[in-house]
PDB file of N, CA and C in Angstrom:
ATOM      1  N   MET A   1       0.848  -1.175  -0.002  1.00  0.00           N
ATOM      2  CA  MET A   1       0.001  -0.002   0.001  1.00  0.00           C
ATOM      3  C   MET A   1       0.893   1.240   0.002  1.00  0.00           C
ATOM      4  N   ASN A   2       0.457   2.247  -0.705  1.00  0.00           N
ATOM      5  CA  ASN A   2       1.194   3.508  -0.828  1.00  0.00           C
ATOM      6  C   ASN A   2       0.953   4.377   0.407  1.00  0.00           C
ATOM      7  N   PRO A   3       2.007   4.670   1.191  1.00  0.00           N
ATOM      8  CA  PRO A   3       1.818   5.504   2.391  1.00  0.00           C
ATOM      9  C   PRO A   3       1.724   7.002   2.082  1.00  0.00           C
ATOM     10  N   TYR A   4       1.870   7.381   0.816  1.00  0.00           N
ATOM     11  CA  TYR A   4       1.840   8.788   0.427  1.00  0.00           C
ATOM     12  C   TYR A   4       0.543   9.097  -0.305  1.00  0.00           C
ATOM     13  N   PRO A   5      -0.014  10.283  -0.098  1.00  0.00           N
ATOM     14  CA  PRO A   5      -1.300  10.623  -0.734  1.00  0.00           C
ATOM     15  C   PRO A   5      -1.133  11.034  -2.202  1.00  0.00           C
ATOM     16  N   MET A   6      -0.381  10.254  -2.955  1.00  0.00           N
ATOM     17  CA  MET A   6      -0.144  10.573  -4.359  1.00  0.00           C
ATOM     18  C   MET A   6      -0.550   9.373  -5.209  1.00  0.00           C
ATOM     19  N   ASN A   7      -1.214   9.655  -6.301  1.00  0.00           N
ATOM     20  CA  ASN A   7      -1.549   8.613  -7.253  1.00  0.00           C
ATOM     21  C   ASN A   7      -1.499   9.221  -8.653  1.00  0.00           C
ATOM     22  N   TYR A   8      -1.723   8.414  -9.675  1.00  0.00           N
ATOM     23  CA  TYR A   8      -1.576   8.933 -11.033  1.00  0.00           C
ATOM     24  C   TYR A   8      -2.589  10.035 -11.336  1.00  0.00           C
ATOM     25  N   GLN A   9      -3.717  10.050 -10.645  1.00  0.00           N
ATOM     26  CA  GLN A   9      -4.732  11.056 -10.922  1.00  0.00           C
ATOM     27  C   GLN A   9      -4.346  12.441 -10.401  1.00  0.00           C
ATOM     28  N   ASN A  10      -3.561  12.513  -9.346  1.00  0.00           N
ATOM     29  CA  ASN A  10      -3.153  13.830  -8.847  1.00  0.00           C
ATOM     30  C   ASN A  10      -1.672  14.106  -9.071  1.00  0.00           C
ATOM     31  N   LEU A  11      -0.992  13.218  -9.774  1.00  0.00           N
ATOM     32  CA  LEU A  11       0.426  13.397 -10.084  1.00  0.00           C
ATOM     33  C   LEU A  11       0.607  14.628 -10.954  1.00  0.00           C
ATOM     34  N   ALA A  12       1.546  15.473 -10.585  1.00  0.00           N
ATOM     35  CA  ALA A  12       1.822  16.726 -11.310  1.00  0.00           C
ATOM     36  C   ALA A  12       0.554  17.574 -11.429  1.00  0.00           C
ATOM     37  N   GLY A  13      -0.174  17.638 -10.341  1.00  0.00           N
ATOM     38  CA  GLY A  13      -1.376  18.471 -10.324  1.00  0.00           C
ATOM     39  C   GLY A  13      -2.483  17.984 -11.245  1.00  0.00           C
ATOM     40  N   GLY A  14      -2.495  16.694 -11.531  1.00  0.00           N
ATOM     41  CA  GLY A  14      -3.508  16.119 -12.410  1.00  0.00           C
ATOM     42  C   GLY A  14      -3.144  16.155 -13.885  1.00  0.00           C
ATOM     43  N   ALA A  15      -1.975  16.716 -14.196  1.00  0.00           N
ATOM     44  CA  ALA A  15      -1.577  16.869 -15.606  1.00  0.00           C
ATOM     45  C   ALA A  15      -1.363  15.525 -16.300  1.00  0.00           C
ATOM     46  N   VAL A  16      -0.838  14.542 -15.581  1.00  0.00           N
ATOM     47  CA  VAL A  16      -0.584  13.237 -16.200  1.00  0.00           C
ATOM     48  C   VAL A  16      -1.901  12.587 -16.613  1.00  0.00           C
ATOM     49  N   ALA A  17      -2.883  12.611 -15.741  1.00  0.00           N
ATOM     50  CA  ALA A  17      -4.190  12.035 -16.068  1.00  0.00           C
ATOM     51  C   ALA A  17      -4.846  12.785 -17.236  1.00  0.00           C
ATOM     52  N   GLU A  18      -4.735  14.111 -17.241  1.00  0.00           N
ATOM     53  CA  GLU A  18      -5.287  14.900 -18.353  1.00  0.00           C
ATOM     54  C   GLU A  18      -4.614  14.536 -19.669  1.00  0.00           C
ATOM     55  N   GLN A  19      -3.278  14.437 -19.656  1.00  0.00           N
ATOM     56  CA  GLN A  19      -2.558  14.081 -20.880  1.00  0.00           C
ATOM     57  C   GLN A  19      -2.926  12.682 -21.339  1.00  0.00           C
ATOM     58  N   PHE A  20      -3.044  11.746 -20.395  1.00  0.00           N
ATOM     59  CA  PHE A  20      -3.431  10.379 -20.760  1.00  0.00           C
ATOM     60  C   PHE A  20      -4.801  10.371 -21.417  1.00  0.00           C
ATOM     61  N   ASN A  21      -5.759  11.063 -20.841  1.00  0.00           N
ATOM     62  CA  ASN A  21      -7.106  11.097 -21.403  1.00  0.00           C
ATOM     63  C   ASN A  21      -7.105  11.702 -22.812  1.00  0.00           C
ATOM     64  N   ARG A  22      -6.297  12.741 -23.023  1.00  0.00           N
ATOM     65  CA  ARG A  22      -6.200  13.356 -24.340  1.00  0.00           C
ATOM     66  C   ARG A  22      -5.623  12.357 -25.352  1.00  0.00           C
ATOM     67  N   LYS A  23      -4.549  11.673 -24.958  1.00  0.00           N
ATOM     68  CA  LYS A  23      -3.916  10.701 -25.850  1.00  0.00           C
ATOM     69  C   LYS A  23      -4.815   9.495 -26.097  1.00  0.00           C
ATOM     70  N   LEU A  24      -5.584   9.107 -25.096  1.00  0.00           N
ATOM     71  CA  LEU A  24      -6.546   8.024 -25.288  1.00  0.00           C
ATOM     72  C   LEU A  24      -7.559   8.387 -26.366  1.00  0.00           C
ATOM     73  N   GLY A  25      -8.000   9.629 -26.361  1.00  0.00           N
ATOM     74  CA  GLY A  25      -8.903  10.100 -27.415  1.00  0.00           C
ATOM     75  C   GLY A  25      -8.264  10.005 -28.785  1.00  0.00           C
ATOM     76  N   GLU A  26      -6.972  10.357 -28.884  1.00  0.00           N
ATOM     77  CA  GLU A  26      -6.264  10.255 -30.163  1.00  0.00           C
ATOM     78  C   GLU A  26      -6.204   8.812 -30.637  1.00  0.00           C
ATOM     79  N   VAL A  27      -5.938   7.900 -29.710  1.00  0.00           N
ATOM     80  CA  VAL A  27      -5.869   6.481 -30.073  1.00  0.00           C
ATOM     81  C   VAL A  27      -7.220   6.000 -30.580  1.00  0.00           C
ATOM     82  N   LEU A  28      -8.290   6.344 -29.884  1.00  0.00           N
ATOM     83  CA  LEU A  28      -9.617   5.891 -30.278  1.00  0.00           C
ATOM     84  C   LEU A  28     -10.035   6.456 -31.632  1.00  0.00           C
ATOM     85  N   VAL A  29      -9.704   7.705 -31.893  1.00  0.00           N
ATOM     86  CA  VAL A  29      -9.993   8.303 -33.200  1.00  0.00           C
ATOM     87  C   VAL A  29      -9.201   7.582 -34.293  1.00  0.00           C
ATOM     88  N   ASN A  30      -7.932   7.256 -34.002  1.00  0.00           N
ATOM     89  CA  ASN A  30      -7.097   6.559 -34.962  1.00  0.00           C
ATOM     90  C   ASN A  30      -7.639   5.163 -35.258  1.00  0.00           C
ATOM     91  N   ILE A  31      -8.102   4.463 -34.232  1.00  0.00           N
ATOM     92  CA  ILE A  31      -8.681   3.132 -34.431  1.00  0.00           C
ATOM     93  C   ILE A  31      -9.919   3.228 -35.308  1.00  0.00           C
ATOM     94  N   ASP A  32     -10.712   4.250 -35.116  1.00  0.00           N
ATOM     95  CA  ASP A  32     -11.954   4.424 -35.853  1.00  0.00           C
ATOM     96  C   ASP A  32     -11.743   4.907 -37.292  1.00  0.00           C
ATOM     97  N   ASP A  33     -10.557   5.394 -37.608  1.00  0.00           N
ATOM     98  CA  ASP A  33     -10.274   5.942 -38.934  1.00  0.00           C
ATOM     99  C   ASP A  33     -10.112   4.813 -39.953  1.00  0.00           C
ATOM    100  N   PRO A  34     -10.965   4.750 -40.968  1.00  0.00           N
ATOM    101  CA  PRO A  34     -10.867   3.674 -41.955  1.00  0.00           C
ATOM    102  C   PRO A  34      -9.617   3.777 -42.837  1.00  0.00           C
ATOM    103  N   ASN A  35      -8.896   4.878 -42.756  1.00  0.00           N
ATOM    104  CA  ASN A  35      -7.684   5.048 -43.552  1.00  0.00           C
ATOM    105  C   ASN A  35      -6.428   4.547 -42.838  1.00  0.00           C
ATOM    106  N   THR A  36      -6.588   3.990 -41.635  1.00  0.00           N
ATOM    107  CA  THR A  36      -5.450   3.406 -40.918  1.00  0.00           C
ATOM    108  C   THR A  36      -5.626   1.886 -40.882  1.00  0.00           C
ATOM    109  N   PRO A  37      -4.530   1.148 -40.792  1.00  0.00           N
ATOM    110  CA  PRO A  37      -4.630  -0.315 -40.746  1.00  0.00           C
ATOM    111  C   PRO A  37      -5.428  -0.779 -39.523  1.00  0.00           C
ATOM    112  N   ALA A  38      -6.437  -1.596 -39.750  1.00  0.00           N
ATOM    113  CA  ALA A  38      -7.342  -2.002 -38.672  1.00  0.00           C
ATOM    114  C   ALA A  38      -6.637  -2.785 -37.568  1.00  0.00           C
ATOM    115  N   LYS A  39      -5.728  -3.670 -37.938  1.00  0.00           N
ATOM    116  CA  LYS A  39      -5.124  -4.557 -36.940  1.00  0.00           C
ATOM    117  C   LYS A  39      -3.815  -4.041 -36.354  1.00  0.00           C
ATOM    118  N   ALA A  40      -3.389  -2.862 -36.751  1.00  0.00           N
ATOM    119  CA  ALA A  40      -2.146  -2.301 -36.234  1.00  0.00           C
ATOM    120  C   ALA A  40      -2.306  -1.970 -34.747  1.00  0.00           C
ATOM    121  N   LYS A  41      -1.254  -2.224 -33.988  1.00  0.00           N
ATOM    122  CA  LYS A  41      -1.291  -1.926 -32.567  1.00  0.00           C
ATOM    123  C   LYS A  41      -1.032  -0.439 -32.332  1.00  0.00           C
ATOM    124  N   ARG A  42      -1.688   0.087 -31.323  1.00  0.00           N
ATOM    125  CA  ARG A  42      -1.492   1.465 -30.898  1.00  0.00           C
ATOM    126  C   ARG A  42      -0.941   1.438 -29.478  1.00  0.00           C
ATOM    127  N   GLU A  43      -0.126   2.429 -29.123  1.00  0.00           N
ATOM    128  CA  GLU A  43       0.451   2.479 -27.780  1.00  0.00           C
ATOM    129  C   GLU A  43       0.284   3.863 -27.163  1.00  0.00           C
ATOM    130  N   ILE A  44       0.113   3.844 -25.847  1.00  0.00           N
ATOM    131  CA  ILE A  44       0.222   5.051 -25.052  1.00  0.00           C
ATOM    132  C   ILE A  44       1.321   4.784 -24.026  1.00  0.00           C
ATOM    133  N   CYS A  45       2.317   5.648 -23.997  1.00  0.00           N
ATOM    134  CA  CYS A  45       3.434   5.500 -23.068  1.00  0.00           C
ATOM    135  C   CYS A  45       3.429   6.663 -22.092  1.00  0.00           C
ATOM    136  N   ILE A  46       3.551   6.339 -20.819  1.00  0.00           N
ATOM    137  CA  ILE A  46       3.652   7.358 -19.775  1.00  0.00           C
ATOM    138  C   ILE A  46       5.031   7.244 -19.154  1.00  0.00           C
ATOM    139  N   LYS A  47       5.784   8.335 -19.192  1.00  0.00           N
ATOM    140  CA  LYS A  47       7.098   8.368 -18.567  1.00  0.00           C
ATOM    141  C   LYS A  47       7.091   9.460 -17.516  1.00  0.00           C
ATOM    142  N   VAL A  48       7.355   9.075 -16.286  1.00  0.00           N
ATOM    143  CA  VAL A  48       7.389  10.024 -15.167  1.00  0.00           C
ATOM    144  C   VAL A  48       8.778   9.953 -14.550  1.00  0.00           C
ATOM    145  N   THR A  49       9.412  11.113 -14.402  1.00  0.00           N
ATOM    146  CA  THR A  49      10.747  11.191 -13.812  1.00  0.00           C
ATOM    147  C   THR A  49      10.675  11.985 -12.513  1.00  0.00           C
ATOM    148  N   PHE A  50      11.275  11.431 -11.473  1.00  0.00           N
ATOM    149  CA  PHE A  50      11.322  12.077 -10.168  1.00  0.00           C
ATOM    150  C   PHE A  50      12.755  12.484  -9.891  1.00  0.00           C
ATOM    151  N   ALA A  51      12.973  13.749  -9.542  1.00  0.00           N
ATOM    152  CA  ALA A  51      14.310  14.257  -9.230  1.00  0.00           C
ATOM    153  C   ALA A  51      14.293  14.822  -7.808  1.00  0.00           C
ATOM    154  N   PRO A  52      14.673  13.989  -6.807  1.00  0.00           N
ATOM    155  CA  PRO A  52      14.649  14.463  -5.424  1.00  0.00           C
ATOM    156  C   PRO A  52      15.816  15.380  -5.111  1.00  0.00           C
ATOM    157  N   ASN A  53      15.614  16.233  -4.095  1.00  0.00           N
ATOM    158  CA  ASN A  53      16.716  17.086  -3.642  1.00  0.00           C
ATOM    159  C   ASN A  53      17.621  16.278  -2.700  1.00  0.00           C
ATOM    160  N   GLU A  54      18.698  16.896  -2.252  1.00  0.00           N
ATOM    161  CA  GLU A  54      19.686  16.208  -1.412  1.00  0.00           C
ATOM    162  C   GLU A  54      19.081  15.715  -0.090  1.00  0.00           C
ATOM    163  N   GLU A  55      18.135  16.489   0.464  1.00  0.00           N
ATOM    164  CA  GLU A  55      17.509  16.109   1.733  1.00  0.00           C
ATOM    165  C   GLU A  55      16.396  15.073   1.550  1.00  0.00           C
ATOM    166  N   ARG A  56      16.012  14.835   0.316  1.00  0.00           N
ATOM    167  CA  ARG A  56      14.967  13.858  -0.031  1.00  0.00           C
ATOM    168  C   ARG A  56      13.594  14.234   0.522  1.00  0.00           C
ATOM    169  N   ASP A  57      13.403  15.514   0.809  1.00  0.00           N
ATOM    170  CA  ASP A  57      12.105  15.934   1.324  1.00  0.00           C
ATOM    171  C   ASP A  57      11.245  16.615   0.253  1.00  0.00           C
ATOM    172  N   ARG A  58      11.831  16.858  -0.901  1.00  0.00           N
ATOM    173  CA  ARG A  58      11.103  17.444  -2.033  1.00  0.00           C
ATOM    174  C   ARG A  58      11.648  16.837  -3.311  1.00  0.00           C
ATOM    175  N   PHE A  59      10.838  16.903  -4.344  1.00  0.00           N
ATOM    176  CA  PHE A  59      11.298  16.416  -5.634  1.00  0.00           C
ATOM    177  C   PHE A  59      10.544  17.115  -6.758  1.00  0.00           C
ATOM    178  N   GLU A  60      11.179  17.168  -7.885  1.00  0.00           N
ATOM    179  CA  GLU A  60      10.538  17.688  -9.089  1.00  0.00           C
ATOM    180  C   GLU A  60      10.044  16.506  -9.908  1.00  0.00           C
ATOM    181  N   ILE A  61       8.905  16.709 -10.531  1.00  0.00           N
ATOM    182  CA  ILE A  61       8.350  15.674 -11.391  1.00  0.00           C
ATOM    183  C   ILE A  61       8.270  16.214 -12.801  1.00  0.00           C
ATOM    184  N   THR A  62       8.737  15.434 -13.745  1.00  0.00           N
ATOM    185  CA  THR A  62       8.481  15.723 -15.152  1.00  0.00           C
ATOM    186  C   THR A  62       7.762  14.512 -15.716  1.00  0.00           C
ATOM    187  N   ALA A  63       6.829  14.770 -16.587  1.00  0.00           N
ATOM    188  CA  ALA A  63       6.045  13.681 -17.142  1.00  0.00           C
ATOM    189  C   ALA A  63       5.820  13.915 -18.626  1.00  0.00           C
ATOM    190  N   ALA A  64       5.777  12.820 -19.344  1.00  0.00           N
ATOM    191  CA  ALA A  64       5.473  12.876 -20.774  1.00  0.00           C
ATOM    192  C   ALA A  64       4.548  11.718 -21.107  1.00  0.00           C
ATOM    193  N   VAL A  65       3.505  12.005 -21.840  1.00  0.00           N
ATOM    194  CA  VAL A  65       2.588  10.980 -22.308  1.00  0.00           C
ATOM    195  C   VAL A  65       2.628  11.029 -23.828  1.00  0.00           C
ATOM    196  N   THR A  66       3.026   9.933 -24.427  1.00  0.00           N
ATOM    197  CA  THR A  66       3.184   9.886 -25.878  1.00  0.00           C
ATOM    198  C   THR A  66       2.390   8.729 -26.467  1.00  0.00           C
ATOM    199  N   THR A  67       2.143   8.818 -27.758  1.00  0.00           N
ATOM    200  CA  THR A  67       1.445   7.730 -28.453  1.00  0.00           C
ATOM    201  C   THR A  67       2.289   7.233 -29.608  1.00  0.00           C
ATOM    202  N   LYS A  68       2.044   6.000 -29.982  1.00  0.00           N
ATOM    203  CA  LYS A  68       2.580   5.435 -31.220  1.00  0.00           C
ATOM    204  C   LYS A  68       1.353   4.961 -32.000  1.00  0.00           C
ATOM    205  N   LEU A  69       1.130   5.661 -33.098  1.00  0.00           N
ATOM    206  CA  LEU A  69      -0.050   5.374 -33.906  1.00  0.00           C
ATOM    207  C   LEU A  69       0.375   4.991 -35.322  1.00  0.00           C
ATOM    208  N   PRO A  70      -0.347   4.079 -35.954  1.00  0.00           N
ATOM    209  CA  PRO A  70      -0.039   3.773 -37.344  1.00  0.00           C
ATOM    210  C   PRO A  70      -0.477   4.918 -38.239  1.00  0.00           C
ATOM    211  N   GLY A  71       0.246   5.102 -39.322  1.00  0.00           N
ATOM    212  CA  GLY A  71      -0.093   6.155 -40.277  1.00  0.00           C
ATOM    213  C   GLY A  71      -1.180   5.716 -41.229  1.00  0.00           C
ATOM    214  N   LEU A  72      -1.455   6.568 -42.165  1.00  0.00           N
ATOM    215  CA  LEU A  72      -2.473   6.267 -43.168  1.00  0.00           C
ATOM    216  C   LEU A  72      -1.976   5.182 -44.098  1.00  0.00           C
ATOM    217  N   ARG A  73      -2.913   4.415 -44.634  1.00  0.00           N
ATOM    218  CA  ARG A  73      -2.560   3.351 -45.574  1.00  0.00           C
ATOM    219  C   ARG A  73      -2.192   3.949 -46.897  1.00  0.00           C
TER     220      ARG A  73
END
């Protein structure tokens, strides 16, 4: 169990969840597009980096949410 009140929904002030939801929409639109290969796999990647200070009482978070989508046929 996580002893800290942090989860993916409030990570970076909720930005990670917002970015994921936006990218999920892109994936779903791409799947629905008849001009893309139907059976091609789509990916959403979430990369979160934590950079703690020397005292380990604070840290900076950077996050990136990216997609890998097939192009048009």
